[in-house]
Structure formats: structure tokens, C-alpha cells
Amino acid sequence: MPGKKTTLYPVDVIQAMSLSESPLGPDDPEYAWRFLAEGDSWFTVGAIPSSNLLYELRLRKRAVVLNLGYPGDTIANVARLSSNIEFSRRLTHPNWASDWDALLMSGGGNDLIDQAADILRDHPLGNGNKTSDHIHADRLAAFQAGVRDGFRAIVALRDSAGSPNRDKPILVHTYDYPTPRPAPATFLIAPITRPWMHPIFERYDIGKKMRVKLADLLLDALAEALLGLATELPNFHVVDTRGTLERAELGARGNSGDWLNEIHPNGGGYRKIADKLAARLHKLL
């Protein structure tokens, strides 16, 4: 006899900027789970099209997400509390914070974008046949250290004196492997059109096959930095999503594989990653 099918509910996502206008609220008793989300465009409704990772999340209980994410945001910016008052309030202030079941975070990818031109060598060492020939190893290590420091600051904020959300779970995802290609990302809420690695590789005249290898190396370095934190920081959990998505074709200018553009999955791709986040949330909660 087949087992009973589990009902999964899409989460309700409330944008912080429209919270006062929303009929929903993070403290509504109808919700079994409440999440605070912070991060980059993978969490942001303003990305084209309107799908994102949060919209594709399906859970066994009714849940609400208050989303503070913004396209292009970096972990360095999120952790800089002097310029991120809303995040600090919603997480730790007794008069502003909700009793969150978990903090969902998407971050580190834009830090990598911003530093990639410095991490890659404009002229390779040796004959350029090895990935290490194209990398400033010390700068890559400094990038990893910066990402780790950013998340350490966020955990310290969560656990600060008087915080109503001390030791609540933080769930972070790694990024899957994008294909460097001429497919820029565009955002509705900001006049941004910015590809990821493609312009840098073009400028440095790096061969197409080597571009894929280098992109994978950089994404692995980011993943390693995040996964290392999972063994260091209390109640900090990382879902490794590498290898989840079908890669885009090298040179494709539009939707390809599970990718809408160079750095964003399409709706089906987001669903695949969201299912992995949901599985971990069900274990945690």
C-alpha cells in the first residue's frame, strides 16, 4: 500500500520594504515557522524573472519569511552593522525582532564577483596550462578569510547580549557552478546589468575551457570557506548545493540548462536548490 503523500506548502515571503503594507506579518499565529532572510539576488524578488530561491521553498508546515535581501549585496556589507541597522533590529532588538525559527542567508557570491579581477592574474605564470597559473593564491586566501570574518560577525550579532534569537539556527547555501558566458544579470529594483566572470576572462584573454575550470576553482574556494564555518560556529549550517544544477552551455546568451543567466538559476534550478534547503530545515526544526 503506498505511503501517505506529504503536503508541502510554499512559504509566504514578505519584503521588509513593504512590511507596513502587507496583510501578512511574521508574528501571525497562523504560521508554524518564521524565518528571517538576508542576502543577495538569489533571495531577491527584484531579479528578472520574479522567481528566486525563497519563492521556490516548499515546507511541511506553513511558514513566513521576512526578506531583507538586496541584489548585489555582499556578506561584507551585511556584516557591517553600522550600515545594516534593519538587519540588526530584526535579529536582536527586543522591540523589533520576532522569535525566528531560523535565519536564512545567501551570501558570498557577490564578494567573489567584486574581488575576482584581483584574484585572477591578468598574465598567467608559466605556460598558463594549470589553473594555479592564473590565480593569486594569497589573494584567494584573503577572500576566503574575509567571507569567514563576515559570517563570524553575523553569528556574534545573533548571540549578542539581550538578543531574543541567541543560538537560533543559521542556514547558508553554497553556490552551484555557473558557466562564464555573455549572459548578464538584470534587476528590476536597481538599474544594474552586470555579468559575472565573462568580462574579466575576456579582458585577461583566458581560453574558454580554462574559464570553466577557473570558475569552478573560485566557487569551490567559496564553498570551502563556508563549509569550514559549519564545524567552527555554533548552530551554523551549510547546505552544499554544488553539482545540483544542469550547467549552462559555454557561450549561451540566454536561458540554458538550469540557468537563466550567468549567475542566476531559472525557476526549475531554484526549485532544485530550494528542495535541498527544505530537507535540511526539516531536520533542524
C-alpha atoms as a PDB file:
ATOM      1  CA  MET A   1       0.000   0.000   0.000  1.00  0.00           C
ATOM      2  CA  PRO A   2       1.569   3.344  -0.987  1.00  0.00           C
ATOM      3  CA  GLY A   3       2.518   5.685   1.821  1.00  0.00           C
ATOM      4  CA  LYS A   4       0.630   8.856   2.562  1.00  0.00           C
ATOM      5  CA  LYS A   5       1.834  11.784   0.457  1.00  0.00           C
ATOM      6  CA  THR A   6       3.305  14.644   2.480  1.00  0.00           C
ATOM      7  CA  THR A   7       1.676  18.018   1.890  1.00  0.00           C
ATOM      8  CA  LEU A   8       4.198  20.773   1.176  1.00  0.00           C
ATOM      9  CA  TYR A   9       3.340  24.460   1.476  1.00  0.00           C
ATOM     10  CA  PRO A  10       5.007  27.367  -0.344  1.00  0.00           C
ATOM     11  CA  VAL A  11       6.363  29.885   2.128  1.00  0.00           C
ATOM     12  CA  ASP A  12       4.870  33.371   2.325  1.00  0.00           C
ATOM     13  CA  VAL A  13       7.597  35.913   1.573  1.00  0.00           C
ATOM     14  CA  ILE A  14       7.266  39.450   2.940  1.00  0.00           C
ATOM     15  CA  GLN A  15       9.658  42.108   1.696  1.00  0.00           C
ATOM     16  CA  ALA A  16      10.873  44.288   4.553  1.00  0.00           C
ATOM     17  CA  MET A  17      10.335  47.447   2.480  1.00  0.00           C
ATOM     18  CA  SER A  18       6.625  46.613   2.109  1.00  0.00           C
ATOM     19  CA  LEU A  19       6.005  45.151   5.554  1.00  0.00           C
ATOM     20  CA  SER A  20       3.754  48.022   6.657  1.00  0.00           C
ATOM     21  CA  GLU A  21       1.545  47.488   3.580  1.00  0.00           C
ATOM     22  CA  SER A  22       1.372  43.701   3.771  1.00  0.00           C
ATOM     23  CA  PRO A  23      -1.725  41.960   5.174  1.00  0.00           C
ATOM     24  CA  LEU A  24       0.675  39.327   6.488  1.00  0.00           C
ATOM     25  CA  GLY A  25       3.091  39.644   9.358  1.00  0.00           C
ATOM     26  CA  PRO A  26       5.935  37.484  10.667  1.00  0.00           C
ATOM     27  CA  ASP A  27       4.240  37.157  14.053  1.00  0.00           C
ATOM     28  CA  ASP A  28       0.848  35.982  12.742  1.00  0.00           C
ATOM     29  CA  PRO A  29      -0.193  32.912  14.759  1.00  0.00           C
ATOM     30  CA  GLU A  30      -1.220  31.037  11.578  1.00  0.00           C
ATOM     31  CA  TYR A  31       2.448  30.325  10.876  1.00  0.00           C
ATOM     32  CA  ALA A  32       4.192  27.359  12.441  1.00  0.00           C
ATOM     33  CA  TRP A  33       7.647  28.557  11.361  1.00  0.00           C
ATOM     34  CA  ARG A  34       9.125  32.041  10.997  1.00  0.00           C
ATOM     35  CA  PHE A  35      12.347  32.869   9.159  1.00  0.00           C
ATOM     36  CA  LEU A  36      14.448  35.981   8.745  1.00  0.00           C
ATOM     37  CA  ALA A  37      16.236  36.053   5.374  1.00  0.00           C
ATOM     38  CA  GLU A  38      19.205  38.206   4.426  1.00  0.00           C
ATOM     39  CA  GLY A  39      21.431  38.081   1.396  1.00  0.00           C
ATOM     40  CA  ASP A  40      21.858  38.726  -2.296  1.00  0.00           C
ATOM     41  CA  SER A  41      19.852  38.454  -5.512  1.00  0.00           C
ATOM     42  CA  TRP A  42      19.233  34.708  -5.073  1.00  0.00           C
ATOM     43  CA  PHE A  43      16.795  35.807  -2.357  1.00  0.00           C
ATOM     44  CA  THR A  44      15.590  38.962  -4.076  1.00  0.00           C
ATOM     45  CA  VAL A  45      12.208  39.371  -5.726  1.00  0.00           C
ATOM     46  CA  GLY A  46      13.607  42.132  -7.952  1.00  0.00           C
ATOM     47  CA  ALA A  47      15.618  39.723 -10.091  1.00  0.00           C
ATOM     48  CA  ILE A  48      14.290  39.013 -13.586  1.00  0.00           C
ATOM     49  CA  PRO A  49      12.167  36.954 -13.731  1.00  0.00           C
ATOM     50  CA  SER A  50      10.448  37.197 -10.364  1.00  0.00           C
ATOM     51  CA  SER A  51      11.375  33.681  -9.233  1.00  0.00           C
ATOM     52  CA  ASN A  52      14.026  33.283  -6.583  1.00  0.00           C
ATOM     53  CA  LEU A  53      15.210  30.727  -4.073  1.00  0.00           C
ATOM     54  CA  LEU A  54      12.739  31.746  -1.360  1.00  0.00           C
ATOM     55  CA  TYR A  55       9.761  31.597  -3.719  1.00  0.00           C
ATOM     56  CA  GLU A  56      10.620  28.002  -4.603  1.00  0.00           C
ATOM     57  CA  LEU A  57      10.861  26.838  -0.977  1.00  0.00           C
ATOM     58  CA  ARG A  58       8.240  24.212  -0.026  1.00  0.00           C
ATOM     59  CA  LEU A  59       7.887  23.089   3.600  1.00  0.00           C
ATOM     60  CA  ARG A  60       5.791  20.648   5.623  1.00  0.00           C
ATOM     61  CA  LYS A  61       4.397  23.421   7.805  1.00  0.00           C
ATOM     62  CA  ARG A  62       3.083  26.848   6.974  1.00  0.00           C
ATOM     63  CA  ALA A  63       5.939  29.336   7.174  1.00  0.00           C
ATOM     64  CA  VAL A  64       6.645  33.007   6.619  1.00  0.00           C
ATOM     65  CA  VAL A  65       9.879  34.710   5.606  1.00  0.00           C
ATOM     66  CA  LEU A  66      10.731  38.342   6.275  1.00  0.00           C
ATOM     67  CA  ASN A  67      13.187  39.064   3.489  1.00  0.00           C
ATOM     68  CA  LEU A  68      15.873  41.743   3.859  1.00  0.00           C
ATOM     69  CA  GLY A  69      17.841  40.604   0.794  1.00  0.00           C
ATOM     70  CA  TYR A  70      19.017  43.013  -1.887  1.00  0.00           C
ATOM     71  CA  PRO A  71      20.638  42.322  -5.281  1.00  0.00           C
ATOM     72  CA  GLY A  72      24.374  42.807  -5.335  1.00  0.00           C
ATOM     73  CA  ASP A  73      24.700  42.715  -1.566  1.00  0.00           C
ATOM     74  CA  THR A  74      27.847  41.219  -0.081  1.00  0.00           C
ATOM     75  CA  ILE A  75      28.492  39.458   3.197  1.00  0.00           C
ATOM     76  CA  ALA A  76      30.919  42.265   3.970  1.00  0.00           C
ATOM     77  CA  ASN A  77      28.028  44.753   3.736  1.00  0.00           C
ATOM     78  CA  VAL A  78      25.612  42.560   5.689  1.00  0.00           C
ATOM     79  CA  ALA A  79      28.142  42.135   8.495  1.00  0.00           C
ATOM     80  CA  ARG A  80      28.903  45.885   8.588  1.00  0.00           C
ATOM     81  CA  LEU A  81      26.297  46.594  11.232  1.00  0.00           C
ATOM     82  CA  SER A  82      26.703  50.365  11.147  1.00  0.00           C
ATOM     83  CA  SER A  83      25.141  50.358   7.670  1.00  0.00           C
ATOM     84  CA  ASN A  84      22.728  47.460   8.218  1.00  0.00           C
ATOM     85  CA  ILE A  85      20.523  48.718  11.025  1.00  0.00           C
ATOM     86  CA  GLU A  86      17.396  46.894   9.816  1.00  0.00           C
ATOM     87  CA  PHE A  87      19.106  43.508   9.981  1.00  0.00           C
ATOM     88  CA  SER A  88      20.398  44.173  13.476  1.00  0.00           C
ATOM     89  CA  ARG A  89      16.971  45.324  14.655  1.00  0.00           C
ATOM     90  CA  ARG A  90      15.062  42.410  13.171  1.00  0.00           C
ATOM     91  CA  LEU A  91      17.506  39.877  14.597  1.00  0.00           C
ATOM     92  CA  THR A  92      18.437  41.188  18.050  1.00  0.00           C
ATOM     93  CA  HIS A  93      16.397  44.208  19.199  1.00  0.00           C
ATOM     94  CA  PRO A  94      13.744  43.247  21.811  1.00  0.00           C
ATOM     95  CA  ASN A  95      11.238  45.710  20.352  1.00  0.00           C
ATOM     96  CA  TRP A  96      11.808  44.838  16.675  1.00  0.00           C
ATOM     97  CA  ALA A  97      12.873  41.204  16.485  1.00  0.00           C
ATOM     98  CA  SER A  98      10.488  38.303  16.085  1.00  0.00           C
ATOM     99  CA  ASP A  99      11.038  34.880  17.585  1.00  0.00           C
ATOM    100  CA  TRP A 100      12.642  33.397  14.486  1.00  0.00           C
ATOM    101  CA  ASP A 101      12.912  29.660  13.982  1.00  0.00           C
ATOM    102  CA  ALA A 102      15.954  30.147  11.759  1.00  0.00           C
ATOM    103  CA  LEU A 103      17.956  32.740   9.870  1.00  0.00           C
ATOM    104  CA  LEU A 104      18.311  32.015   6.136  1.00  0.00           C
ATOM    105  CA  MET A 105      21.311  33.523   4.390  1.00  0.00           C
ATOM    106  CA  SER A 106      22.503  33.733   0.794  1.00  0.00           C
ATOM    107  CA  GLY A 107      25.892  35.344   0.574  1.00  0.00           C
ATOM    108  CA  GLY A 108      29.481  35.295  -0.540  1.00  0.00           C
ATOM    109  CA  GLY A 109      28.861  35.204  -4.282  1.00  0.00           C
ATOM    110  CA  ASN A 110      28.963  38.959  -4.748  1.00  0.00           C
ATOM    111  CA  ASP A 111      32.070  39.204  -2.581  1.00  0.00           C
ATOM    112  CA  LEU A 112      33.652  36.815  -5.075  1.00  0.00           C
ATOM    113  CA  ILE A 113      32.389  38.836  -8.053  1.00  0.00           C
ATOM    114  CA  ASP A 114      33.821  42.030  -6.611  1.00  0.00           C
ATOM    115  CA  GLN A 115      37.252  40.514  -5.983  1.00  0.00           C
ATOM    116  CA  ALA A 116      37.588  38.158  -8.953  1.00  0.00           C
ATOM    117  CA  ALA A 117      39.521  40.638 -11.106  1.00  0.00           C
ATOM    118  CA  ASP A 118      42.152  40.912  -8.364  1.00  0.00           C
ATOM    119  CA  ILE A 119      42.255  37.181  -7.583  1.00  0.00           C
ATOM    120  CA  LEU A 120      42.826  36.238 -11.229  1.00  0.00           C
ATOM    121  CA  ARG A 121      46.156  37.084 -12.836  1.00  0.00           C
ATOM    122  CA  ASP A 122      45.985  39.344 -15.872  1.00  0.00           C
ATOM    123  CA  HIS A 123      49.046  37.450 -17.158  1.00  0.00           C
ATOM    124  CA  PRO A 124      49.447  33.788 -16.156  1.00  0.00           C
ATOM    125  CA  LEU A 125      52.534  32.235 -14.692  1.00  0.00           C
ATOM    126  CA  GLY A 126      54.411  29.655 -16.746  1.00  0.00           C
ATOM    127  CA  ASN A 127      52.573  28.439 -19.827  1.00  0.00           C
ATOM    128  CA  GLY A 128      49.103  29.016 -18.363  1.00  0.00           C
ATOM    129  CA  ASN A 129      48.058  25.365 -18.688  1.00  0.00           C
ATOM    130  CA  LYS A 130      47.276  24.955 -14.981  1.00  0.00           C
ATOM    131  CA  THR A 131      44.575  26.745 -13.027  1.00  0.00           C
ATOM    132  CA  SER A 132      47.165  27.716 -10.432  1.00  0.00           C
ATOM    133  CA  ASP A 133      48.977  29.672 -13.164  1.00  0.00           C
ATOM    134  CA  HIS A 134      46.023  32.080 -13.309  1.00  0.00           C
ATOM    135  CA  ILE A 135      45.455  32.641  -9.579  1.00  0.00           C
ATOM    136  CA  HIS A 136      46.971  34.902  -6.946  1.00  0.00           C
ATOM    137  CA  ALA A 137      46.883  32.304  -4.169  1.00  0.00           C
ATOM    138  CA  ASP A 138      47.397  34.869  -1.408  1.00  0.00           C
ATOM    139  CA  ARG A 139      44.503  36.997  -2.642  1.00  0.00           C
ATOM    140  CA  LEU A 140      42.221  33.970  -2.891  1.00  0.00           C
ATOM    141  CA  ALA A 141      43.086  33.066   0.695  1.00  0.00           C
ATOM    142  CA  ALA A 142      42.391  36.656   1.776  1.00  0.00           C
ATOM    143  CA  PHE A 143      38.983  36.484   0.068  1.00  0.00           C
ATOM    144  CA  GLN A 144      38.140  33.292   1.962  1.00  0.00           C
ATOM    145  CA  ALA A 145      39.238  34.885   5.234  1.00  0.00           C
ATOM    146  CA  GLY A 146      37.042  37.911   4.565  1.00  0.00           C
ATOM    147  CA  VAL A 147      33.958  35.754   3.961  1.00  0.00           C
ATOM    148  CA  ARG A 148      34.621  33.795   7.142  1.00  0.00           C
ATOM    149  CA  ASP A 149      35.060  37.012   9.148  1.00  0.00           C
ATOM    150  CA  GLY A 150      31.772  38.356   7.800  1.00  0.00           C
ATOM    151  CA  PHE A 151      29.799  35.323   8.901  1.00  0.00           C
ATOM    152  CA  ARG A 152      31.587  35.268  12.262  1.00  0.00           C
ATOM    153  CA  ALA A 153      30.378  38.836  12.832  1.00  0.00           C
ATOM    154  CA  ILE A 154      26.821  37.806  11.980  1.00  0.00           C
ATOM    155  CA  VAL A 155      26.926  34.888  14.428  1.00  0.00           C
ATOM    156  CA  ALA A 156      28.336  37.205  17.108  1.00  0.00           C
ATOM    157  CA  LEU A 157      25.435  39.590  16.464  1.00  0.00           C
ATOM    158  CA  ARG A 158      22.906  36.761  16.737  1.00  0.00           C
ATOM    159  CA  ASP A 159      24.379  35.731  20.086  1.00  0.00           C
ATOM    160  CA  SER A 160      24.904  39.229  21.482  1.00  0.00           C
ATOM    161  CA  ALA A 161      23.690  40.126  24.974  1.00  0.00           C
ATOM    162  CA  GLY A 162      19.927  40.579  25.118  1.00  0.00           C
ATOM    163  CA  SER A 163      19.280  39.076  21.691  1.00  0.00           C
ATOM    164  CA  PRO A 164      15.982  37.131  21.670  1.00  0.00           C
ATOM    165  CA  ASN A 165      17.409  34.909  18.920  1.00  0.00           C
ATOM    166  CA  ARG A 166      20.583  33.691  20.575  1.00  0.00           C
ATOM    167  CA  ASP A 167      21.753  30.347  19.158  1.00  0.00           C
ATOM    168  CA  LYS A 168      18.918  30.136  16.625  1.00  0.00           C
ATOM    169  CA  PRO A 169      19.935  28.097  13.558  1.00  0.00           C
ATOM    170  CA  ILE A 170      21.601  29.916  10.668  1.00  0.00           C
ATOM    171  CA  LEU A 171      21.234  28.138   7.329  1.00  0.00           C
ATOM    172  CA  VAL A 172      23.543  29.085   4.448  1.00  0.00           C
ATOM    173  CA  HIS A 173      23.874  27.589   0.964  1.00  0.00           C
ATOM    174  CA  THR A 174      26.855  27.262  -1.307  1.00  0.00           C
ATOM    175  CA  TYR A 175      26.503  28.263  -4.964  1.00  0.00           C
ATOM    176  CA  ASP A 176      26.407  25.786  -7.798  1.00  0.00           C
ATOM    177  CA  TYR A 177      28.805  26.042 -10.734  1.00  0.00           C
ATOM    178  CA  PRO A 178      27.880  28.793 -13.216  1.00  0.00           C
ATOM    179  CA  THR A 179      29.310  28.780 -16.717  1.00  0.00           C
ATOM    180  CA  PRO A 180      31.177  32.000 -17.605  1.00  0.00           C
ATOM    181  CA  ARG A 181      29.243  33.316 -20.611  1.00  0.00           C
ATOM    182  CA  PRO A 182      27.849  36.518 -22.152  1.00  0.00           C
ATOM    183  CA  ALA A 183      24.526  36.388 -20.296  1.00  0.00           C
ATOM    184  CA  PRO A 184      24.316  39.381 -17.934  1.00  0.00           C
ATOM    185  CA  ALA A 185      22.049  39.563 -14.902  1.00  0.00           C
ATOM    186  CA  THR A 186      19.485  42.370 -14.744  1.00  0.00           C
ATOM    187  CA  PHE A 187      17.491  43.601 -11.763  1.00  0.00           C
ATOM    188  CA  LEU A 188      14.161  45.392 -11.634  1.00  0.00           C
ATOM    189  CA  ILE A 189      14.699  47.292  -8.416  1.00  0.00           C
ATOM    190  CA  ALA A 190      18.104  48.640  -9.376  1.00  0.00           C
ATOM    191  CA  PRO A 191      19.424  49.742 -12.778  1.00  0.00           C
ATOM    192  CA  ILE A 192      22.090  47.036 -12.810  1.00  0.00           C
ATOM    193  CA  THR A 193      23.199  44.938 -15.745  1.00  0.00           C
ATOM    194  CA  ARG A 194      26.281  43.052 -14.689  1.00  0.00           C
ATOM    195  CA  PRO A 195      27.624  39.709 -15.868  1.00  0.00           C
ATOM    196  CA  TRP A 196      29.820  37.740 -13.593  1.00  0.00           C
ATOM    197  CA  MET A 197      33.144  36.302 -14.785  1.00  0.00           C
ATOM    198  CA  HIS A 198      32.755  36.701 -18.549  1.00  0.00           C
ATOM    199  CA  PRO A 199      34.068  40.293 -18.882  1.00  0.00           C
ATOM    200  CA  ILE A 200      37.073  39.522 -16.701  1.00  0.00           C
ATOM    201  CA  PHE A 201      38.009  36.438 -18.682  1.00  0.00           C
ATOM    202  CA  GLU A 202      37.614  38.398 -21.899  1.00  0.00           C
ATOM    203  CA  ARG A 203      39.827  41.186 -20.603  1.00  0.00           C
ATOM    204  CA  TYR A 204      42.518  38.732 -19.495  1.00  0.00           C
ATOM    205  CA  ASP A 205      42.206  36.723 -22.747  1.00  0.00           C
ATOM    206  CA  ILE A 206      41.750  33.406 -20.918  1.00  0.00           C
ATOM    207  CA  GLY A 207      40.797  30.404 -23.080  1.00  0.00           C
ATOM    208  CA  LYS A 208      37.214  29.193 -22.897  1.00  0.00           C
ATOM    209  CA  LYS A 209      37.964  25.745 -21.439  1.00  0.00           C
ATOM    210  CA  MET A 210      40.217  27.271 -18.801  1.00  0.00           C
ATOM    211  CA  ARG A 211      37.440  29.731 -17.895  1.00  0.00           C
ATOM    212  CA  VAL A 212      35.194  26.905 -16.743  1.00  0.00           C
ATOM    213  CA  LYS A 213      37.997  25.347 -14.693  1.00  0.00           C
ATOM    214  CA  LEU A 214      38.830  28.675 -13.061  1.00  0.00           C
ATOM    215  CA  ALA A 215      35.200  29.481 -12.300  1.00  0.00           C
ATOM    216  CA  ASP A 216      34.842  26.087 -10.632  1.00  0.00           C
ATOM    217  CA  LEU A 217      38.026  26.675  -8.628  1.00  0.00           C
ATOM    218  CA  LEU A 218      36.714  30.004  -7.326  1.00  0.00           C
ATOM    219  CA  LEU A 219      33.298  28.572  -6.443  1.00  0.00           C
ATOM    220  CA  ASP A 220      34.985  25.677  -4.661  1.00  0.00           C
ATOM    221  CA  ALA A 221      37.096  28.131  -2.666  1.00  0.00           C
ATOM    222  CA  LEU A 222      33.949  29.952  -1.539  1.00  0.00           C
ATOM    223  CA  ALA A 223      32.236  26.662  -0.671  1.00  0.00           C
ATOM    224  CA  GLU A 224      35.243  25.508   1.344  1.00  0.00           C
ATOM    225  CA  ALA A 225      35.224  28.742   3.327  1.00  0.00           C
ATOM    226  CA  LEU A 226      31.533  28.303   4.157  1.00  0.00           C
ATOM    227  CA  LEU A 227      31.750  24.597   4.951  1.00  0.00           C
ATOM    228  CA  GLY A 228      34.664  25.241   7.276  1.00  0.00           C
ATOM    229  CA  LEU A 229      32.494  27.590   9.303  1.00  0.00           C
ATOM    230  CA  ALA A 230      29.936  24.839   9.843  1.00  0.00           C
ATOM    231  CA  THR A 231      32.457  22.996  12.004  1.00  0.00           C
ATOM    232  CA  GLU A 232      33.562  26.175  13.798  1.00  0.00           C
ATOM    233  CA  LEU A 233      30.486  28.267  14.579  1.00  0.00           C
ATOM    234  CA  PRO A 234      27.611  27.250  16.874  1.00  0.00           C
ATOM    235  CA  ASN A 235      24.345  26.280  15.182  1.00  0.00           C
ATOM    236  CA  PHE A 236      25.659  27.344  11.771  1.00  0.00           C
ATOM    237  CA  HIS A 237      24.639  25.029   8.954  1.00  0.00           C
ATOM    238  CA  VAL A 238      25.742  24.944   5.326  1.00  0.00           C
ATOM    239  CA  VAL A 239      23.902  23.143   2.528  1.00  0.00           C
ATOM    240  CA  ASP A 240      26.368  22.197  -0.195  1.00  0.00           C
ATOM    241  CA  THR A 241      24.482  22.626  -3.465  1.00  0.00           C
ATOM    242  CA  ARG A 242      27.392  22.143  -5.863  1.00  0.00           C
ATOM    243  CA  GLY A 243      26.545  19.666  -8.597  1.00  0.00           C
ATOM    244  CA  THR A 244      22.786  20.138  -8.217  1.00  0.00           C
ATOM    245  CA  LEU A 245      22.084  22.077 -11.406  1.00  0.00           C
ATOM    246  CA  GLU A 246      22.494  21.250 -15.066  1.00  0.00           C
ATOM    247  CA  ARG A 247      25.233  23.516 -16.370  1.00  0.00           C
ATOM    248  CA  ALA A 248      24.625  26.169 -18.962  1.00  0.00           C
ATOM    249  CA  GLU A 249      26.293  25.754 -22.333  1.00  0.00           C
ATOM    250  CA  LEU A 250      29.506  27.710 -22.818  1.00  0.00           C
ATOM    251  CA  GLY A 251      28.687  30.712 -24.996  1.00  0.00           C
ATOM    252  CA  ALA A 252      24.900  30.556 -24.482  1.00  0.00           C
ATOM    253  CA  ARG A 253      23.451  34.052 -24.229  1.00  0.00           C
ATOM    254  CA  GLY A 254      20.138  33.227 -22.569  1.00  0.00           C
ATOM    255  CA  ASN A 255      18.363  30.523 -20.602  1.00  0.00           C
ATOM    256  CA  SER A 256      20.466  27.348 -20.714  1.00  0.00           C
ATOM    257  CA  GLY A 257      20.431  24.215 -18.580  1.00  0.00           C
ATOM    258  CA  ASP A 258      19.121  25.200 -15.146  1.00  0.00           C
ATOM    259  CA  TRP A 259      20.430  28.763 -15.511  1.00  0.00           C
ATOM    260  CA  LEU A 260      18.547  31.881 -16.561  1.00  0.00           C
ATOM    261  CA  ASN A 261      21.719  33.929 -16.981  1.00  0.00           C
ATOM    262  CA  GLU A 262      25.332  33.650 -15.945  1.00  0.00           C
ATOM    263  CA  ILE A 263      24.802  33.855 -12.186  1.00  0.00           C
ATOM    264  CA  HIS A 264      21.106  33.097 -11.554  1.00  0.00           C
ATOM    265  CA  PRO A 265      19.282  29.785 -11.888  1.00  0.00           C
ATOM    266  CA  ASN A 266      15.925  29.697 -13.628  1.00  0.00           C
ATOM    267  CA  GLY A 267      12.780  28.727 -11.724  1.00  0.00           C
ATOM    268  CA  GLY A 268      13.421  24.998 -12.094  1.00  0.00           C
ATOM    269  CA  GLY A 269      17.008  25.425 -10.956  1.00  0.00           C
ATOM    270  CA  TYR A 270      15.971  27.387  -7.888  1.00  0.00           C
ATOM    271  CA  ARG A 271      13.454  24.652  -7.041  1.00  0.00           C
ATOM    272  CA  LYS A 272      16.182  22.002  -7.078  1.00  0.00           C
ATOM    273  CA  ILE A 273      18.294  24.023  -4.637  1.00  0.00           C
ATOM    274  CA  ALA A 274      15.280  25.002  -2.528  1.00  0.00           C
ATOM    275  CA  ASP A 275      14.415  21.321  -2.093  1.00  0.00           C
ATOM    276  CA  LYS A 276      17.856  20.757  -0.560  1.00  0.00           C
ATOM    277  CA  LEU A 277      17.376  23.694   1.803  1.00  0.00           C
ATOM    278  CA  ALA A 278      13.940  22.397   2.755  1.00  0.00           C
ATOM    279  CA  ALA A 279      15.335  18.954   3.554  1.00  0.00           C
ATOM    280  CA  ARG A 280      17.873  20.480   5.936  1.00  0.00           C
ATOM    281  CA  LEU A 281      15.280  22.760   7.543  1.00  0.00           C
ATOM    282  CA  HIS A 282      13.023  19.787   8.214  1.00  0.00           C
ATOM    283  CA  LYS A 283      15.910  18.089  10.033  1.00  0.00           C
ATOM    284  CA  LEU A 284      16.804  21.207  12.010  1.00  0.00           C
ATOM    285  CA  LEU A 285      13.251  22.094  13.047  1.00  0.00           C
END
